[in-house]
């Protein structure tokens, strides 16, 4: 008997990676607008903006990922923060629109090398596979382009559901779609706050994917390769 008849996954940086590194992309977009910035300036602006974002993301009333409109607002504010640090005179709205459009294109996302083998193995064992992801409604076309959509029995996407991680409503919806008790589901993601704590709050099991070995210790299983999951199910 399977320990977990249902496995759920986060998507961004769990199943899919950026095809072009964000640092390189920002430089390329600036060049498209006839602008230049030192790589070190872009790096420092990204670090500061990421700190701003993570502080915002971890606030208790954060609902940035609960609709396409709020997600777009989030990214416009993110890029305004970033480009203001590079040069306050830049047209941050135009630059932000260009970057948002890039990430909405399916061809700009690529599955990690361990994804298909893991999904194939889970499917071969008769395990139902789901998605619980903070993403815009553009996620399904992205998954379809990358030939991943057929693997999934259900998908709970924050922009469609109206709830964002780690809200229990989002995970409760996943339990309902899975059709099994919460303790029969394990959820895998790259954020301890959003994925591990969110899943545990409704009684699911959870594991953290940490491909770059940045987490030394956690009170949950840590996977350095997604195929390590096969030892847990």
Protein backbone atom coordinates (compact mmCIF):
# COMPACT_ATOMS: atom_id res chain seq x y z
CA UNK A 1 0.00 0.00 0.00
CA UNK A 2 1.27 3.45 -0.91
CA UNK A 3 2.19 5.74 1.96
CA UNK A 4 1.03 8.75 -0.07
CA UNK A 5 -1.49 8.00 -2.83
CA UNK A 6 -1.43 11.70 -3.78
CA UNK A 7 1.59 13.94 -4.35
CA UNK A 8 1.24 17.69 -4.87
CA UNK A 9 3.85 20.05 -6.27
CA UNK A 10 4.59 23.72 -6.26
CA UNK A 11 5.64 24.80 -9.77
CA UNK A 12 8.00 27.79 -9.85
CA UNK A 13 11.57 26.66 -9.03
CA UNK A 14 10.20 23.27 -7.99
CA UNK A 15 9.19 21.90 -11.40
CA UNK A 16 10.05 24.81 -13.70
CA UNK A 17 13.07 27.07 -13.94
CA UNK A 18 13.68 30.32 -15.83
CA UNK A 19 15.19 29.67 -19.23
CA UNK A 20 17.18 32.91 -18.92
CA UNK A 21 18.64 33.93 -15.57
CA UNK A 22 16.87 37.00 -14.17
CA UNK A 23 20.14 38.95 -13.91
CA UNK A 24 20.93 38.42 -17.59
CA UNK A 25 17.34 39.12 -18.60
CA UNK A 26 17.26 42.49 -16.86
CA UNK A 27 20.45 43.49 -18.65
CA UNK A 28 19.01 42.38 -21.99
CA UNK A 29 15.78 44.32 -21.47
CA UNK A 30 17.69 47.46 -20.54
CA UNK A 31 19.68 47.10 -23.75
CA UNK A 32 16.45 46.75 -25.74
CA UNK A 33 15.51 50.20 -24.43
CA UNK A 34 18.95 51.55 -25.38
CA UNK A 35 20.15 51.60 -21.78
CA UNK A 36 23.22 50.24 -20.05
CA UNK A 37 23.83 49.33 -16.42
CA UNK A 38 26.86 47.85 -14.72
CA UNK A 39 26.30 44.19 -13.77
CA UNK A 40 27.21 45.01 -10.17
CA UNK A 41 24.52 47.70 -10.07
CA UNK A 42 21.91 45.24 -11.35
CA UNK A 43 23.07 42.65 -8.82
CA UNK A 44 22.81 45.08 -5.89
CA UNK A 45 19.40 46.30 -7.04
CA UNK A 46 18.15 42.73 -7.31
CA UNK A 47 19.38 41.86 -3.81
CA UNK A 48 17.69 44.88 -2.28
CA UNK A 49 14.47 44.25 -4.19
CA UNK A 50 14.44 40.59 -3.23
CA UNK A 51 14.73 41.62 0.43
CA UNK A 52 11.80 44.00 -0.07
CA UNK A 53 9.79 41.24 -1.74
CA UNK A 54 10.46 38.59 0.91
CA UNK A 55 9.48 40.96 3.70
CA UNK A 56 6.23 41.67 1.86
CA UNK A 57 5.62 38.01 1.02
CA UNK A 58 5.93 36.92 4.63
CA UNK A 59 3.37 39.43 5.91
CA UNK A 60 0.25 37.81 7.33
CA UNK A 61 -2.23 39.75 5.18
CA UNK A 62 -0.39 39.22 1.89
CA UNK A 63 -2.77 38.41 -0.96
CA UNK A 64 -0.52 39.38 -3.87
CA UNK A 65 -0.94 36.01 -5.57
CA UNK A 66 -4.72 35.72 -5.28
CA UNK A 67 -5.68 37.05 -8.74
CA UNK A 68 -4.18 38.01 -12.08
CA UNK A 69 -4.71 41.67 -11.21
CA UNK A 70 -2.93 41.50 -7.84
CA UNK A 71 -0.08 39.48 -9.35
CA UNK A 72 0.42 42.10 -12.07
CA UNK A 73 0.38 44.88 -9.47
CA UNK A 74 2.96 43.01 -7.41
CA UNK A 75 5.38 42.69 -10.33
CA UNK A 76 4.96 46.29 -11.45
CA UNK A 77 5.82 47.40 -7.90
CA UNK A 78 8.70 44.91 -7.80
CA UNK A 79 10.23 46.30 -11.00
CA UNK A 80 9.61 49.89 -9.95
CA UNK A 81 11.58 49.17 -6.78
CA UNK A 82 14.34 47.50 -8.78
CA UNK A 83 14.74 50.08 -11.55
CA UNK A 84 14.47 53.04 -9.17
CA UNK A 85 17.66 51.77 -7.56
CA UNK A 86 19.41 51.47 -10.91
CA UNK A 87 18.28 54.90 -12.18
CA UNK A 88 15.18 56.74 -10.85
CA UNK A 89 14.67 58.39 -14.24
CA UNK A 90 14.00 55.07 -16.00
CA UNK A 91 10.54 54.29 -17.35
CA UNK A 92 9.93 51.55 -14.81
CA UNK A 93 6.38 50.88 -16.06
CA UNK A 94 7.54 50.16 -19.61
CA UNK A 95 10.45 48.05 -18.40
CA UNK A 96 8.18 46.19 -15.97
CA UNK A 97 5.63 45.49 -18.73
CA UNK A 98 8.38 44.03 -20.89
CA UNK A 99 9.61 41.72 -18.14
CA UNK A 100 6.09 40.62 -17.16
CA UNK A 101 5.38 39.78 -20.81
CA UNK A 102 8.57 37.70 -20.93
CA UNK A 103 7.56 35.54 -17.97
CA UNK A 104 4.07 35.01 -19.38
CA UNK A 105 5.53 33.34 -22.49
CA UNK A 106 5.59 29.52 -22.14
CA UNK A 107 8.88 29.17 -24.02
CA UNK A 108 10.68 31.13 -21.31
CA UNK A 109 10.21 28.34 -18.76
CA UNK A 110 11.90 24.94 -18.76
CA UNK A 111 11.47 21.83 -16.55
CA UNK A 112 14.36 20.87 -14.30
CA UNK A 113 16.24 17.77 -15.47
CA UNK A 114 14.78 15.59 -12.68
CA UNK A 115 11.12 16.43 -13.30
CA UNK A 116 9.96 14.09 -16.08
CA UNK A 117 11.59 11.00 -14.59
CA UNK A 118 10.00 11.73 -11.22
CA UNK A 119 6.54 12.32 -12.68
CA UNK A 120 6.83 9.21 -14.86
CA UNK A 121 7.75 7.09 -11.83
CA UNK A 122 4.89 8.47 -9.73
CA UNK A 123 2.44 7.90 -12.56
CA UNK A 124 3.68 4.32 -13.06
CA UNK A 125 2.94 3.59 -9.39
CA UNK A 126 -0.63 4.80 -9.75
CA UNK A 127 -0.05 7.88 -7.61
CA UNK A 128 -2.33 10.83 -8.32
CA UNK A 129 -0.40 14.05 -8.99
CA UNK A 130 -1.55 17.58 -8.31
CA UNK A 131 -0.36 21.16 -8.38
CA UNK A 132 -0.68 23.74 -5.62
CA UNK A 133 0.98 26.88 -6.95
CA UNK A 134 1.08 30.63 -6.52
CA UNK A 135 0.85 31.65 -10.18
CA UNK A 136 -1.24 33.61 -12.64
CA UNK A 137 -3.78 31.98 -14.95
CA UNK A 138 -0.99 31.76 -17.54
CA UNK A 139 0.33 28.63 -15.79
CA UNK A 140 -1.69 26.04 -17.72
CA UNK A 141 -0.41 27.17 -21.16
CA UNK A 142 3.13 27.12 -19.76
CA UNK A 143 2.70 23.55 -18.51
CA UNK A 144 1.07 22.52 -21.79
CA UNK A 145 3.92 23.99 -23.83
CA UNK A 146 6.43 22.03 -21.75
CA UNK A 147 4.34 18.83 -22.17
CA UNK A 148 3.75 18.53 -18.43
CA UNK A 149 0.02 19.19 -18.19
CA UNK A 150 -1.05 15.56 -18.92
CA UNK A 151 0.79 14.37 -15.81
CA UNK A 152 -1.54 16.21 -13.44
CA UNK A 153 -4.87 14.97 -12.15
CA UNK A 154 -5.75 18.39 -10.72
CA UNK A 155 -4.30 21.88 -10.40
CA UNK A 156 -4.97 24.45 -7.70
CA UNK A 157 -3.63 27.77 -8.97
CA UNK A 158 -3.80 30.80 -6.71
CA UNK A 159 -5.02 33.29 -9.33
CA UNK A 160 -7.93 31.01 -10.23
CA UNK A 161 -8.73 29.95 -6.66
CA UNK A 162 -8.66 33.44 -5.17
CA UNK A 163 -6.35 32.34 -2.35
CA UNK A 164 -2.58 32.48 -2.00
CA UNK A 165 -0.05 30.43 -0.06
CA UNK A 166 0.21 29.70 2.78
CA UNK A 167 -3.53 30.32 3.28
CA UNK A 168 -5.29 27.17 4.44
CA UNK A 169 -8.13 27.80 1.96
CA UNK A 170 -5.80 27.06 -0.95
CA UNK A 171 -4.60 23.79 0.56
CA UNK A 172 -8.09 22.77 1.64
CA UNK A 173 -9.14 23.14 -1.99
CA UNK A 174 -6.28 20.79 -2.95
CA UNK A 175 -7.50 18.21 -0.43
CA UNK A 176 -10.99 18.43 -1.89
CA UNK A 177 -9.64 17.97 -5.43
CA UNK A 178 -7.44 15.06 -4.32
CA UNK A 179 -10.37 13.20 -2.80
CA UNK A 180 -8.36 11.66 0.04
CA UNK A 181 -7.62 12.54 3.64
CA UNK A 182 -5.01 15.27 4.17
CA UNK A 183 -2.53 12.88 5.79
CA UNK A 184 -2.48 10.82 2.59
CA UNK A 185 -1.03 13.76 0.63
CA UNK A 186 2.55 14.97 0.53
CA UNK A 187 3.30 18.41 -0.91
CA UNK A 188 6.69 19.37 -2.38
CA UNK A 189 7.90 22.94 -2.79
CA UNK A 190 10.91 25.22 -2.55
CA UNK A 191 9.57 27.56 0.18
CA UNK A 192 9.47 26.43 3.80
CA UNK A 193 7.07 29.26 4.65
CA UNK A 194 4.65 28.84 1.73
CA UNK A 195 4.89 25.13 1.00
CA UNK A 196 5.89 23.28 4.15
CA UNK A 197 4.05 25.39 6.71
CA UNK A 198 1.07 25.88 4.40
CA UNK A 199 0.64 22.16 3.76
CA UNK A 200 1.18 21.19 7.38
CA UNK A 201 -1.46 23.68 8.55
CA UNK A 202 -4.15 21.50 6.95
CA UNK A 203 -2.67 18.15 7.94
CA UNK A 204 -0.68 17.30 4.81
CA UNK A 205 2.87 16.02 4.93
CA UNK A 206 5.49 18.19 3.21
CA UNK A 207 9.04 18.12 1.90
CA UNK A 208 11.37 20.90 0.81
CA UNK A 209 13.19 20.83 -2.54
CA UNK A 210 16.62 22.46 -2.14
CA UNK A 211 18.64 21.81 -5.29
CA UNK A 212 21.37 24.28 -4.38
CA UNK A 213 21.87 22.89 -0.86
CA UNK A 214 21.22 26.23 0.82
CA UNK A 215 19.27 24.76 3.75
CA UNK A 216 21.49 23.01 6.27
CA UNK A 217 18.72 21.71 8.52
CA UNK A 218 14.92 21.62 8.65
CA UNK A 219 12.18 19.76 10.51
CA UNK A 220 10.97 18.16 7.28
CA UNK A 221 12.55 16.01 4.56
CA UNK A 222 14.95 17.98 2.35
CA UNK A 223 15.30 16.83 -1.26
CA UNK A 224 18.35 17.84 -3.28
CA UNK A 225 17.01 16.07 -6.35
CA UNK A 226 13.31 15.65 -7.04
CA UNK A 227 13.86 11.94 -7.68
CA UNK A 228 14.68 11.60 -3.95
CA UNK A 229 10.93 11.94 -3.44
CA UNK A 230 10.47 8.39 -4.74
CA UNK A 231 11.97 7.11 -1.48
CA UNK A 232 9.24 8.87 0.53
CA UNK A 233 6.12 7.68 -1.23
